[in-house]
Amino acid sequence: MISAAVMAGGKSRRMGQDKAWIDLQGRPLIARVVDVLREVADEVFIVANDERYADLGLRVVPDRFPGGGALGGIATGVSAATHERVLVVACDMPFLRGDVWRLLIANAVGADAVVPKIGGEYETLHALYTKACLPAMERALGSGRMRVISFFGDVRLREVGEADLRAIDPELRAFTNVNTPEELAALARP
């Protein structure tokens, strides 16, 4: 059994408006994210401090770590999940793919966290975390270490490499996110 937590607590400063509700090809970004997660998860919920997300018909969990950035949101999602394994994703990733999520899930045996690594960088907001990560996440937050990767040395981390990801998603579109009006305009073009 798998839970999925959608991170929707960001400020969307670069976009100038709430990214989650921006329409792309007839659907809000967050609805596109939720649609794909429903293919692979038994439970989908939103981590946000805005009750508008209840309009999606999903549970909305308020951030337990205000000011904790992405790591605080991830820790909130993992702690609120019904199941041991939790897919965590940002609300602004319109091209998610169920087969990429299934690859992460398949790599979860014996791991506390399964995180894609592309171009030498971890994709921490398109990853799988287990409840076993919570103590390390909370220690990092408690000591002021806000980078998501700050707890990786304290858990059993499994990286999923770029070659394995490209075998499924050659252009790595599943990892595209939308941060600026220019990025949105580029995606909206045919």
C-alpha atoms as a PDB file:
ATOM      1  CA  MET A   1       0.000   0.000   0.000  1.00  0.00           C
ATOM      2  CA  ILE A   2       1.267   3.442  -0.970  1.00  0.00           C
ATOM      3  CA  SER A   3       0.338   6.982   0.038  1.00  0.00           C
ATOM      4  CA  ALA A   4       1.015  10.085  -2.061  1.00  0.00           C
ATOM      5  CA  ALA A   5       1.493  13.591  -0.683  1.00  0.00           C
ATOM      6  CA  VAL A   6       1.277  16.591  -2.998  1.00  0.00           C
ATOM      7  CA  MET A   7       3.277  19.588  -1.783  1.00  0.00           C
ATOM      8  CA  ALA A   8       1.218  22.743  -2.354  1.00  0.00           C
ATOM      9  CA  GLY A   9       2.478  25.043   0.378  1.00  0.00           C
ATOM     10  CA  GLY A  10       4.929  27.158  -1.618  1.00  0.00           C
ATOM     11  CA  LYS A  11       4.556  30.878  -2.121  1.00  0.00           C
ATOM     12  CA  SER A  12       4.748  30.830  -5.974  1.00  0.00           C
ATOM     13  CA  ARG A  13       6.728  34.094  -5.865  1.00  0.00           C
ATOM     14  CA  ARG A  14       8.391  33.649  -9.274  1.00  0.00           C
ATOM     15  CA  MET A  15       5.069  32.771 -10.922  1.00  0.00           C
ATOM     16  CA  GLY A  16       3.205  35.691  -9.375  1.00  0.00           C
ATOM     17  CA  GLN A  17       0.115  33.551  -8.729  1.00  0.00           C
ATOM     18  CA  ASP A  18      -0.692  30.218  -7.104  1.00  0.00           C
ATOM     19  CA  LYS A  19       0.922  27.660  -9.427  1.00  0.00           C
ATOM     20  CA  ALA A  20      -1.284  24.778  -8.351  1.00  0.00           C
ATOM     21  CA  TRP A  21      -4.403  26.274  -9.925  1.00  0.00           C
ATOM     22  CA  ILE A  22      -2.844  27.444 -13.204  1.00  0.00           C
ATOM     23  CA  ASP A  23      -4.576  25.919 -16.205  1.00  0.00           C
ATOM     24  CA  LEU A  24      -2.482  23.897 -18.640  1.00  0.00           C
ATOM     25  CA  GLN A  25      -4.269  22.342 -21.585  1.00  0.00           C
ATOM     26  CA  GLY A  26      -7.653  22.547 -19.854  1.00  0.00           C
ATOM     27  CA  ARG A  27      -6.684  21.224 -16.388  1.00  0.00           C
ATOM     28  CA  PRO A  28      -5.170  22.890 -13.299  1.00  0.00           C
ATOM     29  CA  LEU A  29      -1.588  21.746 -12.676  1.00  0.00           C
ATOM     30  CA  ILE A  30      -2.524  20.161  -9.354  1.00  0.00           C
ATOM     31  CA  ALA A  31      -5.394  18.179 -10.914  1.00  0.00           C
ATOM     32  CA  ARG A  32      -2.962  16.763 -13.489  1.00  0.00           C
ATOM     33  CA  VAL A  33      -0.631  15.705 -10.642  1.00  0.00           C
ATOM     34  CA  VAL A  34      -3.446  14.096  -8.666  1.00  0.00           C
ATOM     35  CA  ASP A  35      -4.707  12.181 -11.724  1.00  0.00           C
ATOM     36  CA  VAL A  36      -1.356  10.419 -12.169  1.00  0.00           C
ATOM     37  CA  LEU A  37      -0.892   9.731  -8.456  1.00  0.00           C
ATOM     38  CA  ARG A  38      -4.290   8.055  -8.330  1.00  0.00           C
ATOM     39  CA  GLU A  39      -2.929   5.500 -10.833  1.00  0.00           C
ATOM     40  CA  VAL A  40      -0.185   4.349  -8.449  1.00  0.00           C
ATOM     41  CA  ALA A  41      -1.227   5.255  -4.893  1.00  0.00           C
ATOM     42  CA  ASP A  42      -3.919   3.974  -2.558  1.00  0.00           C
ATOM     43  CA  GLU A  43      -4.204   7.350  -0.835  1.00  0.00           C
ATOM     44  CA  VAL A  44      -3.586  10.844  -2.238  1.00  0.00           C
ATOM     45  CA  PHE A  45      -3.641  13.973  -0.092  1.00  0.00           C
ATOM     46  CA  ILE A  46      -2.417  17.572  -0.192  1.00  0.00           C
ATOM     47  CA  VAL A  47       0.030  19.278   2.181  1.00  0.00           C
ATOM     48  CA  ALA A  48      -0.988  22.940   2.291  1.00  0.00           C
ATOM     49  CA  ASN A  49      -2.215  25.655   4.609  1.00  0.00           C
ATOM     50  CA  ASP A  50      -5.051  26.591   2.264  1.00  0.00           C
ATOM     51  CA  GLU A  51      -8.419  24.870   2.555  1.00  0.00           C
ATOM     52  CA  ARG A  52      -9.199  25.646  -1.112  1.00  0.00           C
ATOM     53  CA  TYR A  53      -7.486  22.365  -1.903  1.00  0.00           C
ATOM     54  CA  ALA A  54     -10.396  20.534  -0.272  1.00  0.00           C
ATOM     55  CA  ASP A  55     -12.265  21.382  -3.505  1.00  0.00           C
ATOM     56  CA  LEU A  56     -10.261  18.539  -5.076  1.00  0.00           C
ATOM     57  CA  GLY A  57     -12.078  16.084  -2.821  1.00  0.00           C
ATOM     58  CA  LEU A  58      -8.874  15.147  -1.015  1.00  0.00           C
ATOM     59  CA  ARG A  59      -7.682  15.425   2.566  1.00  0.00           C
ATOM     60  CA  VAL A  60      -5.708  18.619   3.173  1.00  0.00           C
ATOM     61  CA  VAL A  61      -3.007  18.428   5.825  1.00  0.00           C
ATOM     62  CA  PRO A  62      -1.615  21.691   7.256  1.00  0.00           C
ATOM     63  CA  ASP A  63       2.161  22.057   7.360  1.00  0.00           C
ATOM     64  CA  ARG A  64       3.471  20.920  10.763  1.00  0.00           C
ATOM     65  CA  PHE A  65       6.724  22.836  10.247  1.00  0.00           C
ATOM     66  CA  PRO A  66       5.921  26.408   9.138  1.00  0.00           C
ATOM     67  CA  GLY A  67       9.130  27.978   7.894  1.00  0.00           C
ATOM     68  CA  GLY A  68      10.633  24.517   7.317  1.00  0.00           C
ATOM     69  CA  GLY A  69      10.547  24.856   3.538  1.00  0.00           C
ATOM     70  CA  ALA A  70      10.335  21.787   1.338  1.00  0.00           C
ATOM     71  CA  LEU A  71      11.793  19.527   4.035  1.00  0.00           C
ATOM     72  CA  GLY A  72       9.088  20.626   6.475  1.00  0.00           C
ATOM     73  CA  GLY A  73       6.414  19.882   3.889  1.00  0.00           C
ATOM     74  CA  ILE A  74       7.876  16.470   3.115  1.00  0.00           C
ATOM     75  CA  ALA A  75       8.101  15.602   6.817  1.00  0.00           C
ATOM     76  CA  THR A  76       4.490  16.711   7.248  1.00  0.00           C
ATOM     77  CA  GLY A  77       3.393  14.516   4.342  1.00  0.00           C
ATOM     78  CA  VAL A  78       5.295  11.462   5.532  1.00  0.00           C
ATOM     79  CA  SER A  79       3.964  11.821   9.075  1.00  0.00           C
ATOM     80  CA  ALA A  80       0.359  12.303   7.891  1.00  0.00           C
ATOM     81  CA  ALA A  81       0.378   9.379   5.458  1.00  0.00           C
ATOM     82  CA  THR A  82      -1.735   6.331   6.211  1.00  0.00           C
ATOM     83  CA  HIS A  83       0.797   3.966   4.654  1.00  0.00           C
ATOM     84  CA  GLU A  84       4.480   3.259   5.325  1.00  0.00           C
ATOM     85  CA  ARG A  85       5.679   4.301   1.855  1.00  0.00           C
ATOM     86  CA  VAL A  86       4.894   7.815   0.636  1.00  0.00           C
ATOM     87  CA  LEU A  87       5.313   9.266  -2.823  1.00  0.00           C
ATOM     88  CA  VAL A  88       6.087  12.973  -2.484  1.00  0.00           C
ATOM     89  CA  VAL A  89       5.684  15.402  -5.362  1.00  0.00           C
ATOM     90  CA  ALA A  90       5.430  19.118  -6.010  1.00  0.00           C
ATOM     91  CA  CYS A  91       2.085  20.445  -7.242  1.00  0.00           C
ATOM     92  CA  ASP A  92       3.650  22.059 -10.321  1.00  0.00           C
ATOM     93  CA  MET A  93       4.816  18.980 -12.243  1.00  0.00           C
ATOM     94  CA  PRO A  94       2.306  18.594 -15.086  1.00  0.00           C
ATOM     95  CA  PHE A  95       3.894  15.664 -16.933  1.00  0.00           C
ATOM     96  CA  LEU A  96       4.194  13.033 -14.210  1.00  0.00           C
ATOM     97  CA  ARG A  97       4.094   9.433 -15.368  1.00  0.00           C
ATOM     98  CA  GLY A  98       2.805   6.379 -13.581  1.00  0.00           C
ATOM     99  CA  ASP A  99       5.598   4.222 -15.004  1.00  0.00           C
ATOM    100  CA  VAL A 100       8.266   6.487 -13.477  1.00  0.00           C
ATOM    101  CA  TRP A 101       6.538   6.219 -10.086  1.00  0.00           C
ATOM    102  CA  ARG A 102       6.370   2.435 -10.502  1.00  0.00           C
ATOM    103  CA  LEU A 103      10.144   2.400 -11.070  1.00  0.00           C
ATOM    104  CA  LEU A 104      10.687   4.222  -7.770  1.00  0.00           C
ATOM    105  CA  ILE A 105       8.302   1.862  -5.971  1.00  0.00           C
ATOM    106  CA  ALA A 106      10.114  -1.167  -7.436  1.00  0.00           C
ATOM    107  CA  ASN A 107      13.376   0.185  -5.989  1.00  0.00           C
ATOM    108  CA  ALA A 108      11.933   0.681  -2.494  1.00  0.00           C
ATOM    109  CA  VAL A 109      12.750  -2.782  -1.101  1.00  0.00           C
ATOM    110  CA  GLY A 110      15.340  -2.331   1.629  1.00  0.00           C
ATOM    111  CA  ALA A 111      15.429   1.470   1.277  1.00  0.00           C
ATOM    112  CA  ASP A 112      14.113   4.270   3.475  1.00  0.00           C
ATOM    113  CA  ALA A 113      14.172   6.796   0.626  1.00  0.00           C
ATOM    114  CA  VAL A 114      14.224   6.331  -3.152  1.00  0.00           C
ATOM    115  CA  VAL A 115      15.278   9.509  -4.910  1.00  0.00           C
ATOM    116  CA  PRO A 116      15.918  10.115  -8.620  1.00  0.00           C
ATOM    117  CA  LYS A 117      19.243  11.755  -9.455  1.00  0.00           C
ATOM    118  CA  ILE A 118      19.479  13.735 -12.696  1.00  0.00           C
ATOM    119  CA  GLY A 119      22.506  15.719 -13.795  1.00  0.00           C
ATOM    120  CA  GLY A 120      24.103  15.136 -10.401  1.00  0.00           C
ATOM    121  CA  GLU A 121      21.120  16.636  -8.540  1.00  0.00           C
ATOM    122  CA  TYR A 122      18.553  14.853  -6.403  1.00  0.00           C
ATOM    123  CA  GLU A 123      14.894  15.239  -7.416  1.00  0.00           C
ATOM    124  CA  THR A 124      13.648  15.454  -3.819  1.00  0.00           C
ATOM    125  CA  LEU A 125      10.146  16.574  -4.768  1.00  0.00           C
ATOM    126  CA  HIS A 126       9.572  13.557  -7.024  1.00  0.00           C
ATOM    127  CA  ALA A 127      10.642  10.819  -4.643  1.00  0.00           C
ATOM    128  CA  LEU A 128       9.541   8.054  -2.310  1.00  0.00           C
ATOM    129  CA  TYR A 129      10.107   8.318   1.453  1.00  0.00           C
ATOM    130  CA  THR A 130       9.147   5.909   4.219  1.00  0.00           C
ATOM    131  CA  LYS A 131       8.077   6.551   7.778  1.00  0.00           C
ATOM    132  CA  ALA A 132      11.599   5.417   8.818  1.00  0.00           C
ATOM    133  CA  CYS A 133      12.856   8.798   7.505  1.00  0.00           C
ATOM    134  CA  LEU A 134      10.799  10.840   9.970  1.00  0.00           C
ATOM    135  CA  PRO A 135      13.217  10.864  12.942  1.00  0.00           C
ATOM    136  CA  ALA A 136      16.098  11.970  10.697  1.00  0.00           C
ATOM    137  CA  MET A 137      13.914  14.611   9.004  1.00  0.00           C
ATOM    138  CA  GLU A 138      12.763  15.979  12.347  1.00  0.00           C
ATOM    139  CA  ARG A 139      16.350  16.075  13.693  1.00  0.00           C
ATOM    140  CA  ALA A 140      17.456  18.023  10.612  1.00  0.00           C
ATOM    141  CA  LEU A 141      14.588  20.497  10.970  1.00  0.00           C
ATOM    142  CA  GLY A 142      15.196  20.837  14.714  1.00  0.00           C
ATOM    143  CA  SER A 143      18.838  21.739  14.129  1.00  0.00           C
ATOM    144  CA  GLY A 144      18.023  24.280  11.415  1.00  0.00           C
ATOM    145  CA  ARG A 145      19.199  22.149   8.478  1.00  0.00           C
ATOM    146  CA  MET A 146      16.477  22.899   5.949  1.00  0.00           C
ATOM    147  CA  ARG A 147      17.933  21.329   2.796  1.00  0.00           C
ATOM    148  CA  VAL A 148      15.989  18.187   1.946  1.00  0.00           C
ATOM    149  CA  ILE A 149      19.210  16.238   1.405  1.00  0.00           C
ATOM    150  CA  SER A 150      20.454  17.126   4.906  1.00  0.00           C
ATOM    151  CA  PHE A 151      19.008  13.902   6.374  1.00  0.00           C
ATOM    152  CA  PHE A 152      20.059  11.541   3.559  1.00  0.00           C
ATOM    153  CA  GLY A 153      23.207  10.389   5.397  1.00  0.00           C
ATOM    154  CA  ASP A 154      21.042   9.123   8.272  1.00  0.00           C
ATOM    155  CA  VAL A 155      18.757   6.831   6.235  1.00  0.00           C
ATOM    156  CA  ARG A 156      19.076   3.994   3.742  1.00  0.00           C
ATOM    157  CA  LEU A 157      19.042   6.004   0.520  1.00  0.00           C
ATOM    158  CA  ARG A 158      18.625   4.449  -2.898  1.00  0.00           C
ATOM    159  CA  GLU A 159      19.338   6.648  -5.897  1.00  0.00           C
ATOM    160  CA  VAL A 160      17.614   5.982  -9.199  1.00  0.00           C
ATOM    161  CA  GLY A 161      20.010   7.094 -11.906  1.00  0.00           C
ATOM    162  CA  GLU A 162      19.368   9.116 -14.989  1.00  0.00           C
ATOM    163  CA  ALA A 163      19.949   6.185 -17.371  1.00  0.00           C
ATOM    164  CA  ASP A 164      17.232   4.125 -15.652  1.00  0.00           C
ATOM    165  CA  LEU A 165      14.860   7.094 -15.733  1.00  0.00           C
ATOM    166  CA  ARG A 166      15.560   7.837 -19.408  1.00  0.00           C
ATOM    167  CA  ALA A 167      14.845   4.205 -20.298  1.00  0.00           C
ATOM    168  CA  ILE A 168      11.224   4.992 -19.366  1.00  0.00           C
ATOM    169  CA  ASP A 169      11.034   8.752 -19.973  1.00  0.00           C
ATOM    170  CA  PRO A 170      13.694   9.626 -22.598  1.00  0.00           C
ATOM    171  CA  GLU A 171      13.216  13.398 -22.283  1.00  0.00           C
ATOM    172  CA  LEU A 172      12.697  13.284 -18.482  1.00  0.00           C
ATOM    173  CA  ARG A 173       9.486  15.278 -18.904  1.00  0.00           C
ATOM    174  CA  ALA A 174       8.092  13.753 -15.724  1.00  0.00           C
ATOM    175  CA  PHE A 175      10.546  15.966 -13.832  1.00  0.00           C
ATOM    176  CA  THR A 176       9.472  19.214 -15.493  1.00  0.00           C
ATOM    177  CA  ASN A 177       8.108  21.795 -13.113  1.00  0.00           C
ATOM    178  CA  VAL A 178       6.630  25.230 -13.734  1.00  0.00           C
ATOM    179  CA  ASN A 179       8.084  28.134 -11.772  1.00  0.00           C
ATOM    180  CA  THR A 180       7.730  31.198 -14.010  1.00  0.00           C
ATOM    181  CA  PRO A 181       5.246  32.617 -16.526  1.00  0.00           C
ATOM    182  CA  GLU A 182       7.890  32.029 -19.219  1.00  0.00           C
ATOM    183  CA  GLU A 183       8.170  28.320 -18.354  1.00  0.00           C
ATOM    184  CA  LEU A 184       4.382  28.020 -18.438  1.00  0.00           C
ATOM    185  CA  ALA A 185       4.196  29.746 -21.842  1.00  0.00           C
ATOM    186  CA  ALA A 186       6.837  27.380 -23.231  1.00  0.00           C
ATOM    187  CA  LEU A 187       4.848  24.342 -22.044  1.00  0.00           C
ATOM    188  CA  ALA A 188       1.586  25.643 -23.468  1.00  0.00           C
ATOM    189  CA  ARG A 189       3.066  25.846 -26.990  1.00  0.00           C
ATOM    190  CA  PRO A 190       2.363  22.833 -29.227  1.00  0.00           C
END
